[in-house]
């Protein structure tokens, strides 16, 4: 389960333009993203890809505490996303998007204690992770809340992702898509979206220790 990642950097603006024909947001974003922080996110706006800052941790319109709700909805299990109250409307309405990142972090317990590791593409390019999104208006404050959750899948047998989380826990991974699947995900039907929720091929990802300072 991914609760911390390094969002895409401005020097990869050309990469965003190449793959999505849109621009990175003009606003600033933090060097590392945690739940309720904002990061560059690509979605369809009137049938065309657009990149805006969105909050990590999906907030449905009925959420009781909208400022903190995203602390528990940053990952959505692919097996149950269609039925869980927090996610099912976004899934049903095919609000599919991509969070753009340089790398993401997971804890390794192989030494007996949690050590943060960084996972990134082996070719040094940015990653785009399959996500769902919501855009709501907080009736109490009038604030527009644009938020997302990354989808996760089982990774028990994956060469990289099987090494993370506690030994007794199921191994999970976010869905890092191949470049050729970006548009397919954004424009996908529910059925085809399920077919895109898969682990990366061998040698696509690499990992390294990245303890927090």
C-alpha atoms as a PDB file:
ATOM      1  CA  UNK A   1       0.000   0.000   0.000  1.00  0.00           C
ATOM      2  CA  UNK A   2       1.500   3.324  -1.021  1.00  0.00           C
ATOM      3  CA  UNK A   3       1.119   6.256   1.372  1.00  0.00           C
ATOM      4  CA  UNK A   4       4.119   8.322   0.279  1.00  0.00           C
ATOM      5  CA  UNK A   5       5.572   9.214  -3.121  1.00  0.00           C
ATOM      6  CA  UNK A   6       7.762  11.729  -4.869  1.00  0.00           C
ATOM      7  CA  UNK A   7       5.608  13.622  -7.395  1.00  0.00           C
ATOM      8  CA  UNK A   8       6.821  14.490 -10.855  1.00  0.00           C
ATOM      9  CA  UNK A   9       9.241  17.400 -11.090  1.00  0.00           C
ATOM     10  CA  UNK A  10       8.949  20.435 -13.330  1.00  0.00           C
ATOM     11  CA  UNK A  11      11.954  19.427 -15.418  1.00  0.00           C
ATOM     12  CA  UNK A  12       9.800  16.600 -16.806  1.00  0.00           C
ATOM     13  CA  UNK A  13       7.303  19.032 -18.348  1.00  0.00           C
ATOM     14  CA  UNK A  14       8.308  17.841 -21.834  1.00  0.00           C
ATOM     15  CA  UNK A  15       7.508  14.241 -20.842  1.00  0.00           C
ATOM     16  CA  UNK A  16       4.004  15.332 -19.793  1.00  0.00           C
ATOM     17  CA  UNK A  17       3.550  17.264 -23.030  1.00  0.00           C
ATOM     18  CA  UNK A  18       4.700  14.278 -25.088  1.00  0.00           C
ATOM     19  CA  UNK A  19       2.380  11.735 -23.463  1.00  0.00           C
ATOM     20  CA  UNK A  20      -0.682  13.854 -22.643  1.00  0.00           C
ATOM     21  CA  UNK A  21      -0.395  17.025 -24.750  1.00  0.00           C
ATOM     22  CA  UNK A  22      -1.012  19.184 -21.698  1.00  0.00           C
ATOM     23  CA  UNK A  23       0.994  21.277 -19.250  1.00  0.00           C
ATOM     24  CA  UNK A  24       1.991  20.735 -15.650  1.00  0.00           C
ATOM     25  CA  UNK A  25       0.144  22.986 -13.162  1.00  0.00           C
ATOM     26  CA  UNK A  26       1.451  26.496 -12.573  1.00  0.00           C
ATOM     27  CA  UNK A  27       1.100  26.101  -8.807  1.00  0.00           C
ATOM     28  CA  UNK A  28       3.852  24.708  -6.622  1.00  0.00           C
ATOM     29  CA  UNK A  29       3.687  21.296  -4.981  1.00  0.00           C
ATOM     30  CA  UNK A  30       5.744  19.597  -2.278  1.00  0.00           C
ATOM     31  CA  UNK A  31       8.797  17.441  -2.941  1.00  0.00           C
ATOM     32  CA  UNK A  32       7.102  14.482  -1.246  1.00  0.00           C
ATOM     33  CA  UNK A  33       3.416  13.659  -1.110  1.00  0.00           C
ATOM     34  CA  UNK A  34       1.522  12.129   1.817  1.00  0.00           C
ATOM     35  CA  UNK A  35      -2.259  11.684   2.231  1.00  0.00           C
ATOM     36  CA  UNK A  36      -4.150  15.027   2.012  1.00  0.00           C
ATOM     37  CA  UNK A  37      -1.185  16.667   0.174  1.00  0.00           C
ATOM     38  CA  UNK A  38      -1.636  17.696  -3.460  1.00  0.00           C
ATOM     39  CA  UNK A  39       0.264  16.416  -6.505  1.00  0.00           C
ATOM     40  CA  UNK A  40       0.034  16.689 -10.326  1.00  0.00           C
ATOM     41  CA  UNK A  41      -2.786  14.539 -11.652  1.00  0.00           C
ATOM     42  CA  UNK A  42      -3.968  13.866 -15.210  1.00  0.00           C
ATOM     43  CA  UNK A  43      -7.653  13.320 -16.007  1.00  0.00           C
ATOM     44  CA  UNK A  44     -10.074  13.934 -18.863  1.00  0.00           C
ATOM     45  CA  UNK A  45     -11.685  17.355 -19.128  1.00  0.00           C
ATOM     46  CA  UNK A  46     -14.228  17.512 -21.943  1.00  0.00           C
ATOM     47  CA  UNK A  47     -12.573  14.524 -23.565  1.00  0.00           C
ATOM     48  CA  UNK A  48      -9.012  15.878 -23.419  1.00  0.00           C
ATOM     49  CA  UNK A  49      -6.210  15.160 -20.924  1.00  0.00           C
ATOM     50  CA  UNK A  50      -5.621  17.897 -18.399  1.00  0.00           C
ATOM     51  CA  UNK A  51      -3.148  18.115 -15.519  1.00  0.00           C
ATOM     52  CA  UNK A  52      -4.083  19.772 -12.216  1.00  0.00           C
ATOM     53  CA  UNK A  53      -3.087  19.472  -8.606  1.00  0.00           C
ATOM     54  CA  UNK A  54      -5.284  16.969  -6.780  1.00  0.00           C
ATOM     55  CA  UNK A  55      -5.391  15.842  -3.181  1.00  0.00           C
ATOM     56  CA  UNK A  56      -3.993  12.393  -2.353  1.00  0.00           C
ATOM     57  CA  UNK A  57      -6.869  10.573  -0.625  1.00  0.00           C
ATOM     58  CA  UNK A  58     -10.286  10.470  -2.303  1.00  0.00           C
ATOM     59  CA  UNK A  59     -13.060  12.505  -0.654  1.00  0.00           C
ATOM     60  CA  UNK A  60     -16.646  11.538  -1.600  1.00  0.00           C
ATOM     61  CA  UNK A  61     -19.370  14.193  -1.366  1.00  0.00           C
ATOM     62  CA  UNK A  62     -20.885  12.608   1.755  1.00  0.00           C
ATOM     63  CA  UNK A  63     -17.617  12.407   3.736  1.00  0.00           C
ATOM     64  CA  UNK A  64     -18.256  13.647   7.312  1.00  0.00           C
ATOM     65  CA  UNK A  65     -14.807  15.198   7.883  1.00  0.00           C
ATOM     66  CA  UNK A  66     -13.632  16.277   4.475  1.00  0.00           C
ATOM     67  CA  UNK A  67     -10.287  17.706   5.635  1.00  0.00           C
ATOM     68  CA  UNK A  68      -9.158  14.404   7.165  1.00  0.00           C
ATOM     69  CA  UNK A  69     -11.137  11.832   5.187  1.00  0.00           C
ATOM     70  CA  UNK A  70      -8.321  11.335   2.682  1.00  0.00           C
ATOM     71  CA  UNK A  71      -6.078   9.978   5.428  1.00  0.00           C
ATOM     72  CA  UNK A  72      -7.810   6.613   4.982  1.00  0.00           C
ATOM     73  CA  UNK A  73      -8.756   6.594   1.280  1.00  0.00           C
ATOM     74  CA  UNK A  74      -5.420   7.077  -0.479  1.00  0.00           C
ATOM     75  CA  UNK A  75      -5.381   3.476  -1.790  1.00  0.00           C
ATOM     76  CA  UNK A  76      -8.336   1.545  -3.236  1.00  0.00           C
ATOM     77  CA  UNK A  77      -8.167  -2.231  -3.596  1.00  0.00           C
ATOM     78  CA  UNK A  78      -8.926  -3.172  -7.200  1.00  0.00           C
ATOM     79  CA  UNK A  79     -10.869  -6.248  -6.081  1.00  0.00           C
ATOM     80  CA  UNK A  80     -13.433  -4.194  -4.142  1.00  0.00           C
ATOM     81  CA  UNK A  81     -13.289  -0.702  -5.676  1.00  0.00           C
ATOM     82  CA  UNK A  82     -16.634  -1.253  -7.435  1.00  0.00           C
ATOM     83  CA  UNK A  83     -18.481  -1.900  -4.153  1.00  0.00           C
ATOM     84  CA  UNK A  84     -16.824   0.147  -1.413  1.00  0.00           C
ATOM     85  CA  UNK A  85     -18.919   3.258  -0.574  1.00  0.00           C
ATOM     86  CA  UNK A  86     -15.972   5.653  -0.791  1.00  0.00           C
ATOM     87  CA  UNK A  87     -14.955   4.547  -4.288  1.00  0.00           C
ATOM     88  CA  UNK A  88     -17.849   2.912  -6.111  1.00  0.00           C
ATOM     89  CA  UNK A  89     -19.325   6.080  -7.634  1.00  0.00           C
ATOM     90  CA  UNK A  90     -15.991   7.194  -9.075  1.00  0.00           C
ATOM     91  CA  UNK A  91     -15.469   3.706 -10.494  1.00  0.00           C
ATOM     92  CA  UNK A  92     -19.000   3.429 -11.890  1.00  0.00           C
ATOM     93  CA  UNK A  93     -18.740   6.840 -13.558  1.00  0.00           C
ATOM     94  CA  UNK A  94     -15.326   5.899 -15.032  1.00  0.00           C
ATOM     95  CA  UNK A  95     -13.502   8.788 -13.434  1.00  0.00           C
ATOM     96  CA  UNK A  96     -10.110   7.355 -14.272  1.00  0.00           C
ATOM     97  CA  UNK A  97      -6.937   9.394 -13.867  1.00  0.00           C
ATOM     98  CA  UNK A  98      -3.165   9.146 -13.485  1.00  0.00           C
ATOM     99  CA  UNK A  99      -1.009  10.493 -10.700  1.00  0.00           C
ATOM    100  CA  UNK A 100       2.425  11.466 -12.009  1.00  0.00           C
ATOM    101  CA  UNK A 101       5.481  10.624  -9.932  1.00  0.00           C
ATOM    102  CA  UNK A 102       9.228  10.242  -9.949  1.00  0.00           C
ATOM    103  CA  UNK A 103       9.154   7.373  -7.451  1.00  0.00           C
ATOM    104  CA  UNK A 104       7.137   5.925  -4.605  1.00  0.00           C
ATOM    105  CA  UNK A 105       8.063   4.532  -1.205  1.00  0.00           C
ATOM    106  CA  UNK A 106       7.271   1.341   0.685  1.00  0.00           C
ATOM    107  CA  UNK A 107       8.511  -0.124   3.989  1.00  0.00           C
ATOM    108  CA  UNK A 108      10.733  -3.199   3.954  1.00  0.00           C
ATOM    109  CA  UNK A 109      10.701  -5.348   7.090  1.00  0.00           C
ATOM    110  CA  UNK A 110      13.360  -7.800   5.931  1.00  0.00           C
ATOM    111  CA  UNK A 111      15.830  -6.558   8.566  1.00  0.00           C
ATOM    112  CA  UNK A 112      13.235  -6.962  11.331  1.00  0.00           C
ATOM    113  CA  UNK A 113      12.257  -3.298  11.412  1.00  0.00           C
ATOM    114  CA  UNK A 114      10.674  -0.959   8.883  1.00  0.00           C
ATOM    115  CA  UNK A 115      13.112   0.673   6.470  1.00  0.00           C
ATOM    116  CA  UNK A 116      11.773   2.971   3.782  1.00  0.00           C
ATOM    117  CA  UNK A 117      12.684   1.986   0.219  1.00  0.00           C
ATOM    118  CA  UNK A 118      12.288   3.957  -2.996  1.00  0.00           C
ATOM    119  CA  UNK A 119      10.759   2.275  -6.075  1.00  0.00           C
ATOM    120  CA  UNK A 120      11.114   3.837  -9.508  1.00  0.00           C
ATOM    121  CA  UNK A 121      11.301   3.011 -13.181  1.00  0.00           C
ATOM    122  CA  UNK A 122      14.571   1.444 -14.203  1.00  0.00           C
ATOM    123  CA  UNK A 123      14.833   3.733 -17.254  1.00  0.00           C
ATOM    124  CA  UNK A 124      14.732   6.890 -15.133  1.00  0.00           C
ATOM    125  CA  UNK A 125      11.471   8.126 -16.652  1.00  0.00           C
ATOM    126  CA  UNK A 126       8.513   9.357 -14.560  1.00  0.00           C
ATOM    127  CA  UNK A 127       5.723   6.954 -13.643  1.00  0.00           C
ATOM    128  CA  UNK A 128       1.959   7.239 -13.977  1.00  0.00           C
ATOM    129  CA  UNK A 129      -0.169   5.242 -11.545  1.00  0.00           C
ATOM    130  CA  UNK A 130      -3.758   4.197 -12.253  1.00  0.00           C
ATOM    131  CA  UNK A 131      -6.183   6.118 -10.045  1.00  0.00           C
ATOM    132  CA  UNK A 132      -9.805   7.184  -9.604  1.00  0.00           C
ATOM    133  CA  UNK A 133     -10.909  10.708  -8.751  1.00  0.00           C
ATOM    134  CA  UNK A 134     -13.697  12.884  -7.348  1.00  0.00           C
ATOM    135  CA  UNK A 135     -14.433  16.594  -7.574  1.00  0.00           C
ATOM    136  CA  UNK A 136     -16.882  17.921  -5.008  1.00  0.00           C
ATOM    137  CA  UNK A 137     -17.901  21.183  -3.373  1.00  0.00           C
ATOM    138  CA  UNK A 138     -17.781  21.325   0.421  1.00  0.00           C
ATOM    139  CA  UNK A 139     -21.189  22.796   1.253  1.00  0.00           C
ATOM    140  CA  UNK A 140     -19.910  24.163   4.559  1.00  0.00           C
ATOM    141  CA  UNK A 141     -16.948  26.091   3.152  1.00  0.00           C
ATOM    142  CA  UNK A 142     -17.674  26.360  -0.578  1.00  0.00           C
ATOM    143  CA  UNK A 143     -14.254  24.832  -1.274  1.00  0.00           C
ATOM    144  CA  UNK A 144     -13.803  22.709  -4.387  1.00  0.00           C
ATOM    145  CA  UNK A 145     -12.063  19.459  -3.442  1.00  0.00           C
ATOM    146  CA  UNK A 146     -10.389  17.550  -6.269  1.00  0.00           C
ATOM    147  CA  UNK A 147      -9.049  14.262  -4.899  1.00  0.00           C
ATOM    148  CA  UNK A 148      -7.848  10.843  -5.972  1.00  0.00           C
ATOM    149  CA  UNK A 149      -7.028   7.349  -4.782  1.00  0.00           C
ATOM    150  CA  UNK A 150      -4.430   5.019  -6.304  1.00  0.00           C
ATOM    151  CA  UNK A 151      -5.602   1.528  -7.173  1.00  0.00           C
ATOM    152  CA  UNK A 152      -3.722  -1.460  -5.758  1.00  0.00           C
ATOM    153  CA  UNK A 153      -3.381  -5.119  -6.727  1.00  0.00           C
ATOM    154  CA  UNK A 154      -1.890  -8.264  -5.221  1.00  0.00           C
ATOM    155  CA  UNK A 155       1.893  -8.442  -5.640  1.00  0.00           C
ATOM    156  CA  UNK A 156       2.846 -11.615  -3.766  1.00  0.00           C
ATOM    157  CA  UNK A 157       4.903 -12.913  -6.702  1.00  0.00           C
ATOM    158  CA  UNK A 158       6.348  -9.680  -8.097  1.00  0.00           C
ATOM    159  CA  UNK A 159      10.147  -9.498  -8.260  1.00  0.00           C
ATOM    160  CA  UNK A 160      10.270  -6.065  -6.575  1.00  0.00           C
ATOM    161  CA  UNK A 161       6.989  -5.510  -4.737  1.00  0.00           C
ATOM    162  CA  UNK A 162       6.995  -8.852  -2.891  1.00  0.00           C
ATOM    163  CA  UNK A 163       9.714  -7.511  -0.580  1.00  0.00           C
ATOM    164  CA  UNK A 164       7.630  -4.845   1.160  1.00  0.00           C
ATOM    165  CA  UNK A 165       5.320  -4.649   4.188  1.00  0.00           C
ATOM    166  CA  UNK A 166       5.270  -6.911   7.233  1.00  0.00           C
ATOM    167  CA  UNK A 167       6.049 -10.609   6.654  1.00  0.00           C
ATOM    168  CA  UNK A 168       2.542 -11.702   7.629  1.00  0.00           C
ATOM    169  CA  UNK A 169       0.784  -9.124   5.427  1.00  0.00           C
ATOM    170  CA  UNK A 170      -0.399  -9.568   1.862  1.00  0.00           C
ATOM    171  CA  UNK A 171       1.934  -7.891  -0.593  1.00  0.00           C
ATOM    172  CA  UNK A 172       0.223  -5.106  -2.544  1.00  0.00           C
ATOM    173  CA  UNK A 173       1.344  -2.757  -5.299  1.00  0.00           C
ATOM    174  CA  UNK A 174       0.032   0.358  -6.955  1.00  0.00           C
ATOM    175  CA  UNK A 175      -0.577  -0.025 -10.692  1.00  0.00           C
ATOM    176  CA  UNK A 176       2.293   1.610 -12.586  1.00  0.00           C
ATOM    177  CA  UNK A 177       1.134   1.664 -16.194  1.00  0.00           C
ATOM    178  CA  UNK A 178       3.191   1.263 -19.342  1.00  0.00           C
ATOM    179  CA  UNK A 179       3.436   4.401 -21.474  1.00  0.00           C
ATOM    180  CA  UNK A 180       1.317   2.762 -24.169  1.00  0.00           C
ATOM    181  CA  UNK A 181      -1.581   2.265 -21.712  1.00  0.00           C
ATOM    182  CA  UNK A 182      -2.014   5.857 -20.515  1.00  0.00           C
ATOM    183  CA  UNK A 183      -4.683   6.879 -22.996  1.00  0.00           C
ATOM    184  CA  UNK A 184      -6.340   3.479 -22.777  1.00  0.00           C
ATOM    185  CA  UNK A 185      -6.761   3.940 -19.031  1.00  0.00           C
ATOM    186  CA  UNK A 186      -8.129   7.474 -19.255  1.00  0.00           C
ATOM    187  CA  UNK A 187     -10.708   6.524 -21.895  1.00  0.00           C
ATOM    188  CA  UNK A 188     -11.410   3.013 -20.597  1.00  0.00           C
ATOM    189  CA  UNK A 189     -14.674   1.228 -19.946  1.00  0.00           C
ATOM    190  CA  UNK A 190     -14.993  -0.519 -16.582  1.00  0.00           C
ATOM    191  CA  UNK A 191     -14.360  -3.902 -18.168  1.00  0.00           C
ATOM    192  CA  UNK A 192     -11.253  -2.787 -20.046  1.00  0.00           C
ATOM    193  CA  UNK A 193      -9.999  -0.929 -16.984  1.00  0.00           C
ATOM    194  CA  UNK A 194      -9.884  -4.193 -15.067  1.00  0.00           C
ATOM    195  CA  UNK A 195      -7.673  -5.665 -17.782  1.00  0.00           C
ATOM    196  CA  UNK A 196      -5.172  -2.829 -17.326  1.00  0.00           C
ATOM    197  CA  UNK A 197      -4.825  -3.410 -13.589  1.00  0.00           C
ATOM    198  CA  UNK A 198      -1.719  -5.581 -13.679  1.00  0.00           C
ATOM    199  CA  UNK A 199       1.806  -5.724 -12.324  1.00  0.00           C
ATOM    200  CA  UNK A 200       4.768  -4.277 -14.176  1.00  0.00           C
ATOM    201  CA  UNK A 201       6.919  -6.644 -16.282  1.00  0.00           C
ATOM    202  CA  UNK A 202      10.333  -7.842 -15.176  1.00  0.00           C
ATOM    203  CA  UNK A 203      13.065  -5.218 -14.910  1.00  0.00           C
ATOM    204  CA  UNK A 204      10.586  -2.341 -15.314  1.00  0.00           C
ATOM    205  CA  UNK A 205      11.028  -1.233 -11.686  1.00  0.00           C
ATOM    206  CA  UNK A 206      14.025  -1.069  -9.401  1.00  0.00           C
ATOM    207  CA  UNK A 207      14.244  -0.377  -5.680  1.00  0.00           C
ATOM    208  CA  UNK A 208      16.786   0.980  -3.201  1.00  0.00           C
ATOM    209  CA  UNK A 209      16.901   1.921   0.486  1.00  0.00           C
ATOM    210  CA  UNK A 210      15.780   5.485   1.157  1.00  0.00           C
ATOM    211  CA  UNK A 211      15.589   5.937   4.951  1.00  0.00           C
ATOM    212  CA  UNK A 212      13.907   9.094   6.123  1.00  0.00           C
ATOM    213  CA  UNK A 213      16.349  11.620   7.523  1.00  0.00           C
END
